[in-house]
Amino acid sequence: MMGVSVAVIEGDGVGREIVPVAVDLLKHLELGVEFVPVEVGYGKWRRVGVALDDDLELMKGCDCALLGAVTTPPDPRYRSVLVRLRREFDLYANIRPYRYMGVHIPQYRPLKPFSFTIVRENTEGLYSGIEEITKEGARTMNDLIPQQIS
């Protein structure tokens, strides 16, 4: 069986605490996974002036990614890593399944088990990364389509 390669992206902040623990757990399971460290995000941008560069090609060479929290500072010079990853990998939807298992809380009437899925669009509107910032405020520029963005 050929191993799976996982791009390991700790990101910033709490990602640096959570992702290494997840990697340790996966290593313990002995799944034959190759872990490929990738540094992107605000810390890298502060240090070298770019948040994401040739790392994108490294990620494309992997089978999947383990992504920690990535900071997007309110600085017009900073290009959002998450917006770029969503575009490059066509991650157009954030899909969050939910299943209620029927846990009973004494003061409430018990519910029958149910499930639903939340599908949140991930690349348009507030997530497009196309904003206009003025003294009066900020707004998303919905009139531009993603293909027009470099």
N, C-alpha and C. Protein backbone atom coordinates (compact mmCIF):
# COMPACT_ATOMS: atom_id res chain seq x y z
N MET A 1 0.84 -1.19 0.00
CA MET A 1 0.00 0.00 0.00
C MET A 1 0.88 1.24 0.00
N MET A 2 0.56 2.16 -0.90
CA MET A 2 1.32 3.40 -1.00
C MET A 2 0.85 4.37 0.09
N GLY A 3 1.78 5.07 0.73
CA GLY A 3 1.44 6.00 1.80
C GLY A 3 0.76 7.26 1.28
N VAL A 4 0.08 7.91 2.18
CA VAL A 4 -0.61 9.17 1.90
C VAL A 4 0.27 10.30 2.41
N SER A 5 0.40 11.36 1.61
CA SER A 5 1.17 12.52 2.07
C SER A 5 0.21 13.60 2.54
N VAL A 6 0.51 14.15 3.70
CA VAL A 6 -0.33 15.17 4.32
C VAL A 6 0.48 16.44 4.50
N ALA A 7 0.02 17.52 3.89
CA ALA A 7 0.62 18.83 4.13
C ALA A 7 0.21 19.27 5.53
N VAL A 8 1.17 19.51 6.39
CA VAL A 8 0.89 19.89 7.78
C VAL A 8 1.13 21.39 7.91
N ILE A 9 0.05 22.13 8.09
CA ILE A 9 0.09 23.58 8.14
C ILE A 9 -0.38 24.02 9.53
N GLU A 10 0.58 24.33 10.39
CA GLU A 10 0.22 24.73 11.75
C GLU A 10 -0.50 26.07 11.78
N GLY A 11 -0.11 26.97 10.89
CA GLY A 11 -0.73 28.28 10.89
C GLY A 11 -0.21 29.15 12.01
N ASP A 12 -1.10 29.92 12.60
CA ASP A 12 -0.74 30.87 13.65
C ASP A 12 -1.57 30.61 14.90
N GLY A 13 -1.15 31.18 15.99
CA GLY A 13 -1.93 31.12 17.22
C GLY A 13 -2.18 29.71 17.69
N VAL A 14 -3.45 29.39 17.94
CA VAL A 14 -3.82 28.11 18.53
C VAL A 14 -3.48 26.93 17.61
N GLY A 15 -3.35 27.16 16.31
CA GLY A 15 -2.96 26.10 15.39
C GLY A 15 -1.63 25.47 15.75
N ARG A 16 -0.74 26.28 16.29
CA ARG A 16 0.59 25.78 16.70
C ARG A 16 0.51 24.84 17.90
N GLU A 17 -0.59 24.91 18.63
CA GLU A 17 -0.78 24.02 19.77
C GLU A 17 -1.56 22.77 19.37
N ILE A 18 -2.53 22.92 18.50
CA ILE A 18 -3.44 21.83 18.15
C ILE A 18 -2.87 20.89 17.09
N VAL A 19 -2.31 21.44 16.04
CA VAL A 19 -1.86 20.61 14.92
C VAL A 19 -0.77 19.61 15.32
N PRO A 20 0.26 20.00 16.07
CA PRO A 20 1.26 19.00 16.47
C PRO A 20 0.67 17.82 17.26
N VAL A 21 -0.34 18.08 18.07
CA VAL A 21 -0.98 17.01 18.82
C VAL A 21 -1.73 16.08 17.87
N ALA A 22 -2.40 16.66 16.87
CA ALA A 22 -3.10 15.84 15.88
C ALA A 22 -2.11 14.98 15.09
N VAL A 23 -0.96 15.55 14.74
CA VAL A 23 0.07 14.80 14.02
C VAL A 23 0.59 13.66 14.90
N ASP A 24 0.84 13.93 16.18
CA ASP A 24 1.29 12.88 17.10
C ASP A 24 0.29 11.73 17.16
N LEU A 25 -0.99 12.06 17.21
CA LEU A 25 -2.03 11.04 17.24
C LEU A 25 -2.00 10.20 15.96
N LEU A 26 -1.91 10.85 14.81
CA LEU A 26 -1.85 10.12 13.54
C LEU A 26 -0.61 9.24 13.45
N LYS A 27 0.52 9.74 13.94
CA LYS A 27 1.74 8.93 13.96
C LYS A 27 1.56 7.69 14.84
N HIS A 28 0.91 7.87 15.96
CA HIS A 28 0.66 6.76 16.89
C HIS A 28 -0.18 5.67 16.24
N LEU A 29 -1.07 6.04 15.33
CA LEU A 29 -1.93 5.07 14.66
C LEU A 29 -1.19 4.26 13.60
N GLU A 30 0.04 4.66 13.28
CA GLU A 30 0.88 3.95 12.31
C GLU A 30 0.13 3.66 11.01
N LEU A 31 -0.34 4.73 10.36
CA LEU A 31 -1.11 4.61 9.12
C LEU A 31 -0.25 4.69 7.87
N GLY A 32 1.05 4.83 8.03
CA GLY A 32 1.92 4.96 6.86
C GLY A 32 1.79 6.31 6.20
N VAL A 33 1.51 7.33 6.98
CA VAL A 33 1.32 8.69 6.47
C VAL A 33 2.65 9.43 6.45
N GLU A 34 2.90 10.14 5.35
CA GLU A 34 4.07 11.01 5.27
C GLU A 34 3.60 12.43 5.59
N PHE A 35 4.24 13.06 6.57
CA PHE A 35 3.86 14.41 6.97
C PHE A 35 4.83 15.40 6.33
N VAL A 36 4.27 16.37 5.61
CA VAL A 36 5.07 17.36 4.90
C VAL A 36 4.82 18.73 5.56
N PRO A 37 5.79 19.25 6.33
CA PRO A 37 5.57 20.54 6.98
C PRO A 37 5.53 21.68 5.97
N VAL A 38 4.53 22.55 6.14
CA VAL A 38 4.36 23.71 5.27
C VAL A 38 4.12 24.92 6.17
N GLU A 39 4.91 25.96 5.98
CA GLU A 39 4.73 27.18 6.78
C GLU A 39 4.05 28.24 5.94
N VAL A 40 2.89 28.66 6.37
CA VAL A 40 2.18 29.77 5.74
C VAL A 40 1.56 30.61 6.85
N GLY A 41 1.17 31.83 6.53
CA GLY A 41 0.43 32.63 7.48
C GLY A 41 1.11 33.91 7.90
N TYR A 42 0.51 34.50 8.90
CA TYR A 42 0.90 35.82 9.38
C TYR A 42 2.35 35.85 9.90
N GLY A 43 2.75 34.83 10.66
CA GLY A 43 4.12 34.78 11.19
C GLY A 43 5.15 34.78 10.06
N LYS A 44 4.88 33.99 9.03
CA LYS A 44 5.78 33.94 7.89
C LYS A 44 5.80 35.30 7.17
N TRP A 45 4.63 35.90 7.00
CA TRP A 45 4.52 37.20 6.34
C TRP A 45 5.33 38.26 7.09
N ARG A 46 5.26 38.25 8.40
CA ARG A 46 6.03 39.22 9.21
C ARG A 46 7.53 38.99 9.07
N ARG A 47 7.92 37.73 8.95
CA ARG A 47 9.34 37.39 8.88
C ARG A 47 9.93 37.60 7.49
N VAL A 48 9.22 37.17 6.41
CA VAL A 48 9.81 37.20 5.07
C VAL A 48 9.04 38.05 4.06
N GLY A 49 7.90 38.61 4.45
CA GLY A 49 7.16 39.50 3.56
C GLY A 49 6.10 38.84 2.70
N VAL A 50 5.97 37.52 2.74
CA VAL A 50 4.90 36.82 2.04
C VAL A 50 4.32 35.75 2.97
N ALA A 51 3.00 35.58 2.89
CA ALA A 51 2.33 34.60 3.74
C ALA A 51 2.24 33.23 3.07
N LEU A 52 2.26 33.22 1.74
CA LEU A 52 2.13 31.99 0.97
C LEU A 52 2.86 32.18 -0.34
N ASP A 53 3.86 31.35 -0.61
CA ASP A 53 4.60 31.48 -1.87
C ASP A 53 4.70 30.13 -2.55
N ASP A 54 5.89 29.59 -2.71
CA ASP A 54 6.05 28.30 -3.37
C ASP A 54 5.48 27.15 -2.54
N ASP A 55 5.01 27.46 -1.35
CA ASP A 55 4.36 26.45 -0.51
C ASP A 55 3.12 25.87 -1.19
N LEU A 56 2.51 26.66 -2.02
CA LEU A 56 1.31 26.22 -2.72
C LEU A 56 1.61 25.00 -3.59
N GLU A 57 2.73 25.01 -4.28
CA GLU A 57 3.12 23.86 -5.10
C GLU A 57 3.41 22.64 -4.23
N LEU A 58 4.01 22.86 -3.08
CA LEU A 58 4.27 21.78 -2.14
C LEU A 58 2.96 21.14 -1.70
N MET A 59 1.96 21.99 -1.39
CA MET A 59 0.65 21.49 -0.98
C MET A 59 -0.03 20.72 -2.10
N LYS A 60 0.09 21.21 -3.32
CA LYS A 60 -0.54 20.53 -4.46
C LYS A 60 0.05 19.14 -4.67
N GLY A 61 1.28 18.92 -4.24
CA GLY A 61 1.90 17.61 -4.36
C GLY A 61 1.48 16.63 -3.28
N CYS A 62 0.70 17.08 -2.32
CA CYS A 62 0.24 16.22 -1.23
C CYS A 62 -1.18 15.72 -1.52
N ASP A 63 -1.55 14.66 -0.83
CA ASP A 63 -2.89 14.09 -1.01
C ASP A 63 -3.96 14.85 -0.24
N CYS A 64 -3.58 15.45 0.87
CA CYS A 64 -4.53 16.21 1.67
C CYS A 64 -3.75 17.15 2.59
N ALA A 65 -4.49 17.92 3.38
CA ALA A 65 -3.83 18.88 4.28
C ALA A 65 -4.48 18.84 5.65
N LEU A 66 -3.67 19.08 6.65
CA LEU A 66 -4.12 19.28 8.02
C LEU A 66 -3.81 20.75 8.32
N LEU A 67 -4.85 21.56 8.40
CA LEU A 67 -4.69 23.01 8.47
C LEU A 67 -5.14 23.55 9.82
N GLY A 68 -4.23 24.25 10.49
CA GLY A 68 -4.56 24.92 11.74
C GLY A 68 -5.09 26.32 11.46
N ALA A 69 -5.42 27.03 12.50
CA ALA A 69 -5.94 28.39 12.36
C ALA A 69 -4.88 29.30 11.73
N VAL A 70 -5.32 30.12 10.76
CA VAL A 70 -4.43 31.04 10.07
C VAL A 70 -4.96 32.46 10.26
N THR A 71 -4.13 33.33 10.80
CA THR A 71 -4.51 34.72 11.08
C THR A 71 -4.53 35.55 9.79
N THR A 72 -5.55 36.39 9.66
CA THR A 72 -5.59 37.39 8.58
C THR A 72 -5.66 38.75 9.26
N PRO A 73 -4.54 39.47 9.31
CA PRO A 73 -4.54 40.77 10.00
C PRO A 73 -5.25 41.84 9.16
N PRO A 74 -5.74 42.88 9.81
CA PRO A 74 -6.39 43.98 9.08
C PRO A 74 -5.36 44.91 8.45
N ASP A 75 -4.59 44.38 7.52
CA ASP A 75 -3.54 45.14 6.84
C ASP A 75 -3.76 44.99 5.34
N PRO A 76 -3.99 46.08 4.61
CA PRO A 76 -4.28 45.97 3.18
C PRO A 76 -3.13 45.36 2.36
N ARG A 77 -1.93 45.29 2.93
CA ARG A 77 -0.81 44.68 2.20
C ARG A 77 -0.80 43.16 2.33
N TYR A 78 -1.59 42.64 3.25
CA TYR A 78 -1.60 41.20 3.51
C TYR A 78 -2.66 40.53 2.65
N ARG A 79 -2.27 39.51 1.88
CA ARG A 79 -3.22 38.72 1.09
C ARG A 79 -3.62 37.49 1.90
N SER A 80 -4.90 37.29 2.07
CA SER A 80 -5.40 36.20 2.89
C SER A 80 -4.98 34.84 2.35
N VAL A 81 -4.36 34.05 3.21
CA VAL A 81 -3.96 32.69 2.85
C VAL A 81 -5.20 31.83 2.60
N LEU A 82 -6.19 31.95 3.46
CA LEU A 82 -7.38 31.12 3.33
C LEU A 82 -8.14 31.39 2.04
N VAL A 83 -8.28 32.67 1.67
CA VAL A 83 -8.96 33.00 0.41
C VAL A 83 -8.20 32.40 -0.76
N ARG A 84 -6.88 32.52 -0.73
CA ARG A 84 -6.09 31.98 -1.84
C ARG A 84 -6.18 30.45 -1.91
N LEU A 85 -6.12 29.78 -0.77
CA LEU A 85 -6.25 28.33 -0.76
C LEU A 85 -7.62 27.90 -1.26
N ARG A 86 -8.67 28.61 -0.86
CA ARG A 86 -10.02 28.29 -1.33
C ARG A 86 -10.11 28.38 -2.84
N ARG A 87 -9.50 29.42 -3.40
CA ARG A 87 -9.52 29.57 -4.87
C ARG A 87 -8.69 28.51 -5.56
N GLU A 88 -7.46 28.33 -5.12
CA GLU A 88 -6.53 27.41 -5.78
C GLU A 88 -7.02 25.97 -5.76
N PHE A 89 -7.67 25.57 -4.66
CA PHE A 89 -8.12 24.18 -4.53
C PHE A 89 -9.62 24.02 -4.75
N ASP A 90 -10.28 25.08 -5.23
CA ASP A 90 -11.71 25.05 -5.52
C ASP A 90 -12.52 24.58 -4.31
N LEU A 91 -12.20 25.14 -3.16
CA LEU A 91 -12.91 24.80 -1.92
C LEU A 91 -14.09 25.76 -1.75
N TYR A 92 -15.08 25.57 -2.59
CA TYR A 92 -16.16 26.53 -2.69
C TYR A 92 -17.20 26.43 -1.59
N ALA A 93 -17.19 25.35 -0.82
CA ALA A 93 -18.20 25.20 0.22
C ALA A 93 -17.58 24.68 1.51
N ASN A 94 -18.10 25.16 2.61
CA ASN A 94 -17.74 24.67 3.93
C ASN A 94 -18.92 23.81 4.37
N ILE A 95 -18.72 22.52 4.44
CA ILE A 95 -19.80 21.58 4.73
C ILE A 95 -19.65 21.09 6.15
N ARG A 96 -20.71 21.33 6.95
CA ARG A 96 -20.66 20.96 8.38
C ARG A 96 -21.85 20.07 8.73
N PRO A 97 -21.63 18.76 8.72
CA PRO A 97 -22.73 17.86 9.10
C PRO A 97 -22.94 17.88 10.61
N TYR A 98 -24.17 17.66 11.02
CA TYR A 98 -24.52 17.64 12.44
C TYR A 98 -25.46 16.47 12.68
N ARG A 99 -25.21 15.74 13.74
CA ARG A 99 -26.10 14.65 14.10
C ARG A 99 -26.37 14.72 15.60
N TYR A 100 -27.64 14.91 15.95
CA TYR A 100 -28.06 14.93 17.34
C TYR A 100 -28.34 13.50 17.77
N MET A 101 -27.72 13.09 18.85
CA MET A 101 -27.79 11.69 19.26
C MET A 101 -28.88 11.40 20.29
N GLY A 102 -29.64 12.40 20.68
CA GLY A 102 -30.72 12.15 21.63
C GLY A 102 -30.32 12.26 23.08
N VAL A 103 -29.36 13.12 23.40
CA VAL A 103 -28.96 13.33 24.79
C VAL A 103 -30.10 14.03 25.52
N HIS A 104 -30.42 13.54 26.69
CA HIS A 104 -31.54 14.10 27.45
C HIS A 104 -31.04 15.03 28.53
N ILE A 105 -31.57 16.25 28.54
CA ILE A 105 -31.30 17.22 29.60
C ILE A 105 -32.58 17.30 30.43
N PRO A 106 -32.51 17.02 31.74
CA PRO A 106 -33.71 16.85 32.56
C PRO A 106 -34.76 17.95 32.45
N GLN A 107 -34.38 19.21 32.39
CA GLN A 107 -35.39 20.27 32.39
C GLN A 107 -36.03 20.50 31.01
N TYR A 108 -35.59 19.77 29.97
CA TYR A 108 -36.14 19.92 28.63
C TYR A 108 -36.79 18.62 28.16
N ARG A 109 -37.79 18.79 27.33
CA ARG A 109 -38.46 17.62 26.74
C ARG A 109 -37.46 16.92 25.81
N PRO A 110 -37.31 15.62 25.92
CA PRO A 110 -36.34 14.92 25.06
C PRO A 110 -36.72 15.02 23.58
N LEU A 111 -35.72 15.18 22.74
CA LEU A 111 -35.92 15.23 21.30
C LEU A 111 -35.56 13.89 20.69
N LYS A 112 -36.22 13.59 19.60
CA LYS A 112 -35.83 12.40 18.85
C LYS A 112 -34.53 12.72 18.11
N PRO A 113 -33.66 11.73 17.90
CA PRO A 113 -32.42 11.98 17.14
C PRO A 113 -32.72 12.55 15.76
N PHE A 114 -31.91 13.49 15.32
CA PHE A 114 -32.07 14.10 14.01
C PHE A 114 -30.70 14.51 13.49
N SER A 115 -30.64 14.85 12.23
CA SER A 115 -29.38 15.32 11.65
C SER A 115 -29.68 16.37 10.58
N PHE A 116 -28.70 17.19 10.30
CA PHE A 116 -28.79 18.15 9.22
C PHE A 116 -27.38 18.53 8.80
N THR A 117 -27.28 19.21 7.68
CA THR A 117 -25.98 19.64 7.17
C THR A 117 -26.06 21.11 6.82
N ILE A 118 -25.10 21.87 7.30
CA ILE A 118 -24.99 23.29 6.96
C ILE A 118 -23.97 23.38 5.83
N VAL A 119 -24.37 24.03 4.74
CA VAL A 119 -23.46 24.27 3.62
C VAL A 119 -23.28 25.77 3.51
N ARG A 120 -22.08 26.24 3.78
CA ARG A 120 -21.79 27.67 3.72
C ARG A 120 -20.88 27.93 2.53
N GLU A 121 -21.29 28.86 1.68
CA GLU A 121 -20.49 29.24 0.52
C GLU A 121 -19.18 29.82 1.03
N ASN A 122 -18.08 29.49 0.38
CA ASN A 122 -16.75 29.77 0.92
C ASN A 122 -15.90 30.73 0.10
N THR A 123 -16.38 31.16 -1.06
CA THR A 123 -15.50 31.96 -1.92
C THR A 123 -16.12 33.26 -2.40
N GLU A 124 -17.36 33.53 -2.09
CA GLU A 124 -17.99 34.76 -2.54
C GLU A 124 -18.35 35.63 -1.34
N GLY A 125 -18.88 36.81 -1.63
CA GLY A 125 -19.31 37.69 -0.56
C GLY A 125 -18.16 38.04 0.37
N LEU A 126 -18.39 37.89 1.66
CA LEU A 126 -17.38 38.23 2.65
C LEU A 126 -16.12 37.39 2.52
N TYR A 127 -16.22 36.24 1.87
CA TYR A 127 -15.08 35.34 1.74
C TYR A 127 -14.34 35.50 0.42
N SER A 128 -14.70 36.49 -0.37
CA SER A 128 -14.06 36.67 -1.68
C SER A 128 -12.68 37.30 -1.55
N GLY A 129 -12.46 38.04 -0.48
CA GLY A 129 -11.18 38.72 -0.34
C GLY A 129 -11.11 39.99 -1.17
N ILE A 130 -12.25 40.41 -1.69
CA ILE A 130 -12.30 41.63 -2.50
C ILE A 130 -13.10 42.66 -1.70
N GLU A 131 -12.39 43.59 -1.10
CA GLU A 131 -13.06 44.59 -0.27
C GLU A 131 -12.66 45.99 -0.68
N GLU A 132 -13.51 46.90 -0.31
CA GLU A 132 -13.20 48.31 -0.44
C GLU A 132 -13.22 48.87 0.97
N ILE A 133 -12.11 49.47 1.37
CA ILE A 133 -12.01 50.02 2.72
C ILE A 133 -11.86 51.53 2.61
N THR A 134 -12.77 52.24 3.24
CA THR A 134 -12.74 53.71 3.23
C THR A 134 -12.85 54.20 4.68
N LYS A 135 -12.80 55.52 4.85
CA LYS A 135 -12.95 56.09 6.19
C LYS A 135 -14.34 55.81 6.75
N GLU A 136 -15.34 55.68 5.86
CA GLU A 136 -16.72 55.44 6.29
C GLU A 136 -16.98 54.00 6.69
N GLY A 137 -16.15 53.08 6.19
CA GLY A 137 -16.37 51.67 6.52
C GLY A 137 -15.74 50.75 5.49
N ALA A 138 -16.16 49.50 5.51
CA ALA A 138 -15.64 48.51 4.57
C ALA A 138 -16.81 47.75 3.98
N ARG A 139 -16.63 47.29 2.74
CA ARG A 139 -17.68 46.49 2.11
C ARG A 139 -17.06 45.51 1.14
N THR A 140 -17.80 44.45 0.91
CA THR A 140 -17.38 43.45 -0.06
C THR A 140 -17.74 43.93 -1.46
N MET A 141 -16.89 43.64 -2.40
CA MET A 141 -17.13 44.05 -3.78
C MET A 141 -17.70 42.85 -4.54
N ASN A 142 -18.99 42.62 -4.44
CA ASN A 142 -19.63 41.47 -5.06
C ASN A 142 -19.75 41.57 -6.57
N ASP A 143 -19.51 42.74 -7.14
CA ASP A 143 -19.67 42.90 -8.58
C ASP A 143 -18.49 42.35 -9.37
N LEU A 144 -17.41 41.94 -8.69
CA LEU A 144 -16.28 41.34 -9.38
C LEU A 144 -16.35 39.83 -9.27
N ILE A 145 -16.10 39.13 -10.35
CA ILE A 145 -16.12 37.68 -10.30
C ILE A 145 -14.71 37.17 -10.05
N PRO A 146 -14.54 36.00 -9.44
CA PRO A 146 -13.21 35.51 -9.09
C PRO A 146 -12.23 35.43 -10.26
N GLN A 147 -12.70 35.19 -11.48
CA GLN A 147 -11.79 35.09 -12.60
C GLN A 147 -11.08 36.43 -12.92
N GLN A 148 -11.64 37.53 -12.44
CA GLN A 148 -11.05 38.84 -12.70
C GLN A 148 -9.94 39.16 -11.72
N ILE A 149 -9.74 38.33 -10.74
CA ILE A 149 -8.77 38.60 -9.69
C ILE A 149 -7.47 37.90 -10.03
N SER A 150 -6.36 38.61 -9.87
CA SER A 150 -5.06 37.97 -10.13
C SER A 150 -4.63 37.17 -8.93
